[in-house]
């Protein structure tokens, strides 16, 4: 798998609790990919891209390092991203 939908990746990485929450977060303009605001939940992300998420008065900066076929436990979810937030 070389790419994955942004809302699906956010959900699999456990950034949000539900896929609908991930889609809403993107539609409302709270997500950037490589510094550019993305408003389409179907935007495809690739390994190496940087995803910036503004969530609950905090900002998380994550580098995409992998994908998952399904949502797994939190330990497995960590394998999909590298946290680069200070």
C-alpha atoms as a PDB file:
ATOM      1  CA  UNK A   1       0.000   0.000   0.000  1.00  0.00           C
ATOM      2  CA  UNK A   2       1.682   3.194  -1.181  1.00  0.00           C
ATOM      3  CA  UNK A   3      -1.072   5.648  -0.211  1.00  0.00           C
ATOM      4  CA  UNK A   4      -4.061   5.886   2.110  1.00  0.00           C
ATOM      5  CA  UNK A   5      -7.001   8.243   2.591  1.00  0.00           C
ATOM      6  CA  UNK A   6      -6.232  10.950   5.147  1.00  0.00           C
ATOM      7  CA  UNK A   7      -9.326  10.313   7.286  1.00  0.00           C
ATOM      8  CA  UNK A   8      -8.590   6.591   7.365  1.00  0.00           C
ATOM      9  CA  UNK A   9      -4.936   7.162   8.275  1.00  0.00           C
ATOM     10  CA  UNK A  10      -5.882   9.559  11.114  1.00  0.00           C
ATOM     11  CA  UNK A  11      -8.326   6.986  12.470  1.00  0.00           C
ATOM     12  CA  UNK A  12      -5.886   4.056  12.178  1.00  0.00           C
ATOM     13  CA  UNK A  13      -3.144   6.135  13.854  1.00  0.00           C
ATOM     14  CA  UNK A  14      -5.615   6.750  16.707  1.00  0.00           C
ATOM     15  CA  UNK A  15      -5.426  10.528  16.426  1.00  0.00           C
ATOM     16  CA  UNK A  16      -9.235  10.541  16.790  1.00  0.00           C
ATOM     17  CA  UNK A  17     -11.769   8.051  18.150  1.00  0.00           C
ATOM     18  CA  UNK A  18     -13.870   7.576  15.028  1.00  0.00           C
ATOM     19  CA  UNK A  19     -13.503   7.793  11.285  1.00  0.00           C
ATOM     20  CA  UNK A  20     -16.364  10.298  11.116  1.00  0.00           C
ATOM     21  CA  UNK A  21     -14.454  12.447  13.628  1.00  0.00           C
ATOM     22  CA  UNK A  22     -11.388  12.270  11.388  1.00  0.00           C
ATOM     23  CA  UNK A  23     -13.401  13.312   8.334  1.00  0.00           C
ATOM     24  CA  UNK A  24     -14.979  16.225  10.234  1.00  0.00           C
ATOM     25  CA  UNK A  25     -11.584  17.368  11.500  1.00  0.00           C
ATOM     26  CA  UNK A  26     -10.269  17.479   7.931  1.00  0.00           C
ATOM     27  CA  UNK A  27     -13.399  19.166   6.491  1.00  0.00           C
ATOM     28  CA  UNK A  28     -13.242  21.869   9.182  1.00  0.00           C
ATOM     29  CA  UNK A  29      -9.685  22.749   8.120  1.00  0.00           C
ATOM     30  CA  UNK A  30      -7.809  21.494  11.190  1.00  0.00           C
ATOM     31  CA  UNK A  31      -5.380  19.316   9.208  1.00  0.00           C
ATOM     32  CA  UNK A  32      -2.400  20.210   7.037  1.00  0.00           C
ATOM     33  CA  UNK A  33      -0.305  17.916   4.875  1.00  0.00           C
ATOM     34  CA  UNK A  34       3.225  19.146   4.202  1.00  0.00           C
ATOM     35  CA  UNK A  35       2.152  22.603   5.366  1.00  0.00           C
ATOM     36  CA  UNK A  36      -0.868  22.924   3.041  1.00  0.00           C
ATOM     37  CA  UNK A  37      -4.378  22.957   4.517  1.00  0.00           C
ATOM     38  CA  UNK A  38      -6.437  19.986   3.336  1.00  0.00           C
ATOM     39  CA  UNK A  39     -10.245  19.987   3.439  1.00  0.00           C
ATOM     40  CA  UNK A  40     -10.948  16.732   1.609  1.00  0.00           C
ATOM     41  CA  UNK A  41     -11.130  13.644   3.828  1.00  0.00           C
ATOM     42  CA  UNK A  42     -10.294  11.562   0.760  1.00  0.00           C
ATOM     43  CA  UNK A  43      -6.945  13.303   0.250  1.00  0.00           C
ATOM     44  CA  UNK A  44      -4.306  10.596  -0.187  1.00  0.00           C
ATOM     45  CA  UNK A  45      -1.236  10.642   2.077  1.00  0.00           C
ATOM     46  CA  UNK A  46       2.072   8.939   1.322  1.00  0.00           C
ATOM     47  CA  UNK A  47       4.922   7.714   3.488  1.00  0.00           C
ATOM     48  CA  UNK A  48       7.234  10.567   4.433  1.00  0.00           C
ATOM     49  CA  UNK A  49       4.588  13.280   4.383  1.00  0.00           C
ATOM     50  CA  UNK A  50       4.096  15.451   7.464  1.00  0.00           C
ATOM     51  CA  UNK A  51       0.566  15.741   8.849  1.00  0.00           C
ATOM     52  CA  UNK A  52      -0.174  18.623  11.236  1.00  0.00           C
ATOM     53  CA  UNK A  53      -3.350  18.294  13.311  1.00  0.00           C
ATOM     54  CA  UNK A  54      -4.887  20.998  15.492  1.00  0.00           C
ATOM     55  CA  UNK A  55      -6.909  19.148  18.092  1.00  0.00           C
ATOM     56  CA  UNK A  56      -8.216  20.199  21.529  1.00  0.00           C
ATOM     57  CA  UNK A  57      -6.099  23.357  21.863  1.00  0.00           C
ATOM     58  CA  UNK A  58      -2.925  21.461  20.962  1.00  0.00           C
ATOM     59  CA  UNK A  59      -1.042  20.836  17.752  1.00  0.00           C
ATOM     60  CA  UNK A  60       0.427  17.458  16.820  1.00  0.00           C
ATOM     61  CA  UNK A  61       2.942  17.097  14.022  1.00  0.00           C
ATOM     62  CA  UNK A  62       3.247  13.554  12.692  1.00  0.00           C
ATOM     63  CA  UNK A  63       5.364  12.047   9.923  1.00  0.00           C
ATOM     64  CA  UNK A  64       3.639   9.203   8.075  1.00  0.00           C
ATOM     65  CA  UNK A  65       5.876   6.125   8.310  1.00  0.00           C
ATOM     66  CA  UNK A  66       3.392   3.369   7.562  1.00  0.00           C
ATOM     67  CA  UNK A  67      -0.151   2.270   6.940  1.00  0.00           C
ATOM     68  CA  UNK A  68      -2.490  -0.253   8.482  1.00  0.00           C
ATOM     69  CA  UNK A  69      -5.177  -2.333   6.799  1.00  0.00           C
ATOM     70  CA  UNK A  70      -7.446  -1.974   9.834  1.00  0.00           C
ATOM     71  CA  UNK A  71      -7.578  -0.149  13.158  1.00  0.00           C
ATOM     72  CA  UNK A  72      -5.498  -1.960  15.726  1.00  0.00           C
ATOM     73  CA  UNK A  73      -4.431  -1.408  19.334  1.00  0.00           C
ATOM     74  CA  UNK A  74      -2.510   1.699  20.383  1.00  0.00           C
ATOM     75  CA  UNK A  75       0.836  -0.098  20.369  1.00  0.00           C
ATOM     76  CA  UNK A  76       0.386  -1.104  16.728  1.00  0.00           C
ATOM     77  CA  UNK A  77      -0.907   2.363  15.797  1.00  0.00           C
ATOM     78  CA  UNK A  78       2.427   3.903  16.825  1.00  0.00           C
ATOM     79  CA  UNK A  79       4.032   2.039  13.910  1.00  0.00           C
ATOM     80  CA  UNK A  80       2.133   4.275  11.461  1.00  0.00           C
ATOM     81  CA  UNK A  81       3.674   7.588  12.489  1.00  0.00           C
ATOM     82  CA  UNK A  82       6.626   9.368  14.021  1.00  0.00           C
ATOM     83  CA  UNK A  83       5.736  12.186  16.440  1.00  0.00           C
ATOM     84  CA  UNK A  84       7.798  15.263  15.580  1.00  0.00           C
ATOM     85  CA  UNK A  85       5.973  17.704  17.845  1.00  0.00           C
ATOM     86  CA  UNK A  86       8.278  19.507  20.273  1.00  0.00           C
END
